[in-house]
């Protein structure tokens, strides 16, 4: 075949595209399990951080996680455990989950035991910041009310402004805050200094220059934690105790602007 002909050049290009595509697909499939494990380990680190636990290193993340997270649970809107299979809570995709009507959402809970024997319950939250999704994990004491720790992450918030939700000083502000006030669920409001949550929720100061991201944290706390009200009340002892029965298998706020960060 004439190598200078159009047919030859077209066939040559098609073969090369096919070969390169095959090689890239093979590499992608070969690396995907490792990529998935890295993503899972990053999630484990975030959950451990909400418990004030730092994994010794990447190789120990899963081992550390499995030491402290003793059970995965899915609960319903009435606070009943509907599933307790291994990783059933860890595997819930919150990005898709929060788009569902509240009554149809899965409510994942990670039950944890710390070195001192105390029990904590980690609940995931997911919402929107200024430039993209934000998410986090809230560790609640076994009184079903007091926040033990929090961890927040983001996809693309402004460095030095909204991105500070991922920094320890902001996250520590949530420690010892209460989700219930006088027996009623209120969540925790993130507001600018001088503002008050109209529903009486406990509050922390918003990040300076990050009004929208701070409001996003406040909104996702209210939206994602409210469905757990019955479960948390059971932990408080104001409803029947929570016992797994299966075998393993928006806060209204006072605001004065809509300014961007």
Protein backbone atom coordinates (compact mmCIF):
# COMPACT_ATOMS: atom_id res chain seq x y z
CA UNK A 1 0.00 0.00 0.00
CA UNK A 2 1.20 3.45 -0.86
CA UNK A 3 2.28 5.05 2.43
CA UNK A 4 1.64 8.49 1.00
CA UNK A 5 -1.98 7.75 0.14
CA UNK A 6 -4.90 9.17 2.09
CA UNK A 7 -6.26 5.69 2.81
CA UNK A 8 -2.98 4.57 4.38
CA UNK A 9 -2.78 7.67 6.58
CA UNK A 10 -6.38 7.28 7.72
CA UNK A 11 -5.88 3.58 8.55
CA UNK A 12 -2.60 4.31 10.34
CA UNK A 13 -4.21 7.03 12.46
CA UNK A 14 -7.17 4.79 13.29
CA UNK A 15 -4.89 1.93 14.41
CA UNK A 16 -2.80 4.25 16.58
CA UNK A 17 -5.89 5.73 18.21
CA UNK A 18 -7.19 2.24 18.92
CA UNK A 19 -3.87 1.10 20.40
CA UNK A 20 -3.40 4.18 22.54
CA UNK A 21 -7.00 4.04 23.72
CA UNK A 22 -6.61 0.38 24.68
CA UNK A 23 -3.42 1.07 26.62
CA UNK A 24 -4.97 4.02 28.47
CA UNK A 25 -8.08 1.98 29.31
CA UNK A 26 -5.90 -0.83 30.64
CA UNK A 27 -3.87 1.59 32.79
CA UNK A 28 -7.06 3.19 34.10
CA UNK A 29 -8.56 -0.17 35.08
CA UNK A 30 -5.29 -1.28 36.66
CA UNK A 31 -5.01 1.87 38.77
CA UNK A 32 -8.72 2.24 39.66
CA UNK A 33 -8.64 -0.06 42.74
CA UNK A 34 -5.72 1.93 44.14
CA UNK A 35 -7.47 5.23 43.38
CA UNK A 36 -10.64 4.01 45.10
CA UNK A 37 -8.65 2.93 48.14
CA UNK A 38 -6.94 6.33 48.32
CA UNK A 39 -10.35 8.04 48.21
CA UNK A 40 -11.65 5.71 50.93
CA UNK A 41 -8.61 6.38 53.11
CA UNK A 42 -9.09 10.13 52.73
CA UNK A 43 -12.68 9.70 53.94
CA UNK A 44 -11.48 7.58 56.85
CA UNK A 45 -9.02 10.34 57.83
CA UNK A 46 -11.82 12.91 57.84
CA UNK A 47 -14.00 10.72 60.05
CA UNK A 48 -11.11 10.06 62.43
CA UNK A 49 -10.37 13.78 62.53
CA UNK A 50 -13.92 14.46 63.75
CA UNK A 51 -13.04 12.10 66.62
CA UNK A 52 -9.77 13.99 67.28
CA UNK A 53 -7.78 10.96 66.13
CA UNK A 54 -4.86 11.20 63.73
CA UNK A 55 -3.79 8.09 61.82
CA UNK A 56 -0.06 7.36 62.19
CA UNK A 57 0.39 7.14 58.41
CA UNK A 58 -1.33 6.18 55.18
CA UNK A 59 -0.53 2.50 55.74
CA UNK A 60 -2.28 2.58 59.13
CA UNK A 61 -5.39 4.57 58.19
CA UNK A 62 -7.69 1.62 57.60
CA UNK A 63 -6.40 -0.24 60.64
CA UNK A 64 -6.88 2.82 62.86
CA UNK A 65 -10.34 3.43 61.44
CA UNK A 66 -11.45 -0.14 62.09
CA UNK A 67 -10.12 0.09 65.65
CA UNK A 68 -12.34 3.01 66.57
CA UNK A 69 -15.39 2.64 64.30
CA UNK A 70 -17.06 -0.39 65.80
CA UNK A 71 -20.33 -0.49 63.86
CA UNK A 72 -22.03 0.95 60.78
CA UNK A 73 -25.73 1.71 60.99
CA UNK A 74 -28.50 2.99 58.77
CA UNK A 75 -31.42 4.49 60.65
CA UNK A 76 -34.81 5.72 59.50
CA UNK A 77 -36.64 8.97 60.26
CA UNK A 78 -38.14 7.36 63.36
CA UNK A 79 -34.71 6.58 64.76
CA UNK A 80 -34.93 2.84 64.16
CA UNK A 81 -31.91 0.87 62.93
CA UNK A 82 -32.79 -0.61 59.54
CA UNK A 83 -29.39 -2.03 58.56
CA UNK A 84 -26.13 -2.80 60.34
CA UNK A 85 -24.13 -4.52 57.62
CA UNK A 86 -20.40 -3.92 57.40
CA UNK A 87 -19.59 -0.53 55.77
CA UNK A 88 -23.28 0.17 55.11
CA UNK A 89 -22.92 3.70 56.48
CA UNK A 90 -19.44 4.33 55.06
CA UNK A 91 -20.61 3.47 51.53
CA UNK A 92 -23.52 5.96 51.39
CA UNK A 93 -22.90 8.54 48.64
CA UNK A 94 -23.94 11.75 50.36
CA UNK A 95 -23.74 13.80 47.14
CA UNK A 96 -26.67 11.81 45.76
CA UNK A 97 -28.31 11.17 49.10
CA UNK A 98 -28.97 14.82 50.00
CA UNK A 99 -30.79 15.40 46.70
CA UNK A 100 -33.54 13.00 47.75
CA UNK A 101 -36.63 14.03 49.72
CA UNK A 102 -35.90 13.77 53.44
CA UNK A 103 -38.25 10.81 53.84
CA UNK A 104 -36.31 8.87 51.18
CA UNK A 105 -32.79 9.58 52.37
CA UNK A 106 -30.49 7.00 53.88
CA UNK A 107 -29.30 8.11 57.32
CA UNK A 108 -25.81 6.71 57.93
CA UNK A 109 -24.34 6.51 61.42
CA UNK A 110 -20.86 5.37 62.42
CA UNK A 111 -20.77 4.18 66.02
CA UNK A 112 -17.32 4.65 67.57
CA UNK A 113 -15.57 3.66 70.79
CA UNK A 114 -12.60 5.74 71.93
CA UNK A 115 -9.66 4.62 74.06
CA UNK A 116 -11.39 5.75 77.24
CA UNK A 117 -14.39 3.57 76.42
CA UNK A 118 -16.69 6.47 75.57
CA UNK A 119 -19.11 6.05 72.67
CA UNK A 120 -19.47 8.63 69.89
CA UNK A 121 -21.74 8.71 66.85
CA UNK A 122 -20.41 10.22 63.61
CA UNK A 123 -22.97 11.68 61.20
CA UNK A 124 -22.07 12.89 57.67
CA UNK A 125 -23.19 16.26 56.27
CA UNK A 126 -23.09 17.55 52.70
CA UNK A 127 -23.97 20.92 51.19
CA UNK A 128 -22.93 23.80 48.94
CA UNK A 129 -20.35 26.52 49.43
CA UNK A 130 -19.54 29.48 47.21
CA UNK A 131 -17.72 27.63 44.42
CA UNK A 132 -18.77 24.04 44.85
CA UNK A 133 -19.71 21.27 47.29
CA UNK A 134 -18.70 21.26 50.92
CA UNK A 135 -19.03 18.31 53.28
CA UNK A 136 -18.08 17.08 56.69
CA UNK A 137 -18.52 14.73 59.63
CA UNK A 138 -20.03 15.60 63.01
CA UNK A 139 -19.16 13.44 66.03
CA UNK A 140 -21.86 13.51 68.70
CA UNK A 141 -21.50 12.32 72.30
CA UNK A 142 -23.67 9.46 73.48
CA UNK A 143 -25.96 12.00 75.14
CA UNK A 144 -27.35 12.56 71.64
CA UNK A 145 -26.92 16.32 71.95
CA UNK A 146 -23.37 17.57 72.51
CA UNK A 147 -20.94 17.84 69.59
CA UNK A 148 -17.65 16.09 70.36
CA UNK A 149 -15.84 17.08 67.17
CA UNK A 150 -16.28 18.24 63.59
CA UNK A 151 -14.39 17.99 60.34
CA UNK A 152 -15.20 19.94 57.18
CA UNK A 153 -13.80 19.74 53.65
CA UNK A 154 -14.45 21.49 50.36
CA UNK A 155 -13.88 21.15 46.64
CA UNK A 156 -12.85 24.67 45.67
CA UNK A 157 -13.54 27.38 48.24
CA UNK A 158 -11.42 30.54 48.21
CA UNK A 159 -7.98 30.05 49.82
CA UNK A 160 -7.65 32.13 52.98
CA UNK A 161 -11.41 32.76 53.09
CA UNK A 162 -14.01 30.01 52.65
CA UNK A 163 -11.28 27.35 52.52
CA UNK A 164 -10.70 27.96 56.22
CA UNK A 165 -13.65 25.71 57.03
CA UNK A 166 -11.12 22.88 56.64
CA UNK A 167 -8.83 24.38 59.29
CA UNK A 168 -8.80 23.24 62.90
CA UNK A 169 -9.58 26.58 64.59
CA UNK A 170 -12.93 26.86 62.78
CA UNK A 171 -13.79 23.21 63.36
CA UNK A 172 -12.96 23.46 67.06
CA UNK A 173 -15.62 26.15 67.46
CA UNK A 174 -18.26 23.42 67.17
CA UNK A 175 -16.94 21.37 70.09
CA UNK A 176 -19.35 21.28 73.05
CA UNK A 177 -22.12 23.03 71.11
CA UNK A 178 -25.59 21.51 71.49
CA UNK A 179 -27.91 20.37 68.73
CA UNK A 180 -30.99 20.63 70.96
CA UNK A 181 -32.18 23.58 73.02
CA UNK A 182 -34.79 22.88 75.69
CA UNK A 183 -35.53 19.53 74.08
CA UNK A 184 -36.09 20.86 70.55
CA UNK A 185 -33.69 20.24 67.67
CA UNK A 186 -32.03 23.49 66.58
CA UNK A 187 -28.69 22.45 64.98
CA UNK A 188 -25.83 25.00 65.26
CA UNK A 189 -25.93 28.32 63.40
CA UNK A 190 -22.89 29.97 61.78
CA UNK A 191 -23.55 33.70 61.81
CA UNK A 192 -21.78 37.02 61.50
CA UNK A 193 -20.98 38.72 64.79
CA UNK A 194 -23.98 40.58 66.14
CA UNK A 195 -26.52 38.34 64.42
CA UNK A 196 -28.80 35.92 66.24
CA UNK A 197 -30.41 32.73 65.02
CA UNK A 198 -34.16 33.33 65.06
CA UNK A 199 -34.85 29.76 66.21
CA UNK A 200 -32.68 30.03 69.32
CA UNK A 201 -29.91 27.73 68.12
CA UNK A 202 -26.46 27.91 69.65
CA UNK A 203 -24.09 29.63 67.26
CA UNK A 204 -20.49 30.31 66.27
CA UNK A 205 -18.98 33.23 64.41
CA UNK A 206 -18.85 33.10 60.63
CA UNK A 207 -15.49 33.30 58.89
CA UNK A 208 -14.52 36.87 58.07
CA UNK A 209 -14.93 37.53 54.35
CA UNK A 210 -16.57 34.15 53.78
CA UNK A 211 -20.25 34.90 54.27
CA UNK A 212 -21.59 32.45 51.69
CA UNK A 213 -19.35 29.53 52.66
CA UNK A 214 -20.15 30.06 56.36
CA UNK A 215 -23.85 30.13 55.54
CA UNK A 216 -23.35 26.93 53.53
CA UNK A 217 -21.91 25.17 56.59
CA UNK A 218 -24.84 26.37 58.69
CA UNK A 219 -27.40 25.25 56.12
CA UNK A 220 -25.89 21.81 55.56
CA UNK A 221 -25.76 21.21 59.33
CA UNK A 222 -29.46 21.99 59.62
CA UNK A 223 -30.51 20.11 56.50
CA UNK A 224 -28.46 16.96 57.07
CA UNK A 225 -28.77 16.60 60.86
CA UNK A 226 -32.49 17.37 61.24
CA UNK A 227 -33.53 13.92 59.89
CA UNK A 228 -31.60 12.35 62.79
CA UNK A 229 -33.79 14.06 65.41
CA UNK A 230 -35.62 10.88 66.43
CA UNK A 231 -32.39 8.86 66.55
CA UNK A 232 -30.67 11.47 68.70
CA UNK A 233 -33.66 11.67 71.04
CA UNK A 234 -33.43 7.93 71.55
CA UNK A 235 -29.80 8.37 72.57
CA UNK A 236 -30.96 11.05 75.01
CA UNK A 237 -33.33 8.59 76.60
CA UNK A 238 -36.43 10.52 75.64
CA UNK A 239 -37.50 7.57 73.45
CA UNK A 240 -36.87 3.79 73.55
CA UNK A 241 -33.21 2.84 73.53
CA UNK A 242 -31.57 2.25 70.17
CA UNK A 243 -30.70 -1.37 69.58
CA UNK A 244 -29.71 -2.83 66.17
CA UNK A 245 -32.23 -5.51 65.28
CA UNK A 246 -30.67 -6.76 62.09
CA UNK A 247 -27.87 -9.16 61.53
CA UNK A 248 -24.78 -7.69 59.81
CA UNK A 249 -25.42 -8.08 56.08
CA UNK A 250 -32.73 24.94 57.14
CA UNK A 251 -32.00 27.03 59.95
CA UNK A 252 -33.71 30.39 59.56
CA UNK A 253 -31.09 33.10 60.05
CA UNK A 254 -30.94 36.89 60.24
CA UNK A 255 -28.78 38.11 57.35
CA UNK A 256 -28.02 41.55 56.02
CA UNK A 257 -26.29 40.85 52.75
CA UNK A 258 -25.68 38.37 50.00
CA UNK A 259 -22.15 39.47 49.34
CA UNK A 260 -19.70 36.98 47.78
CA UNK A 261 -16.48 36.05 49.49
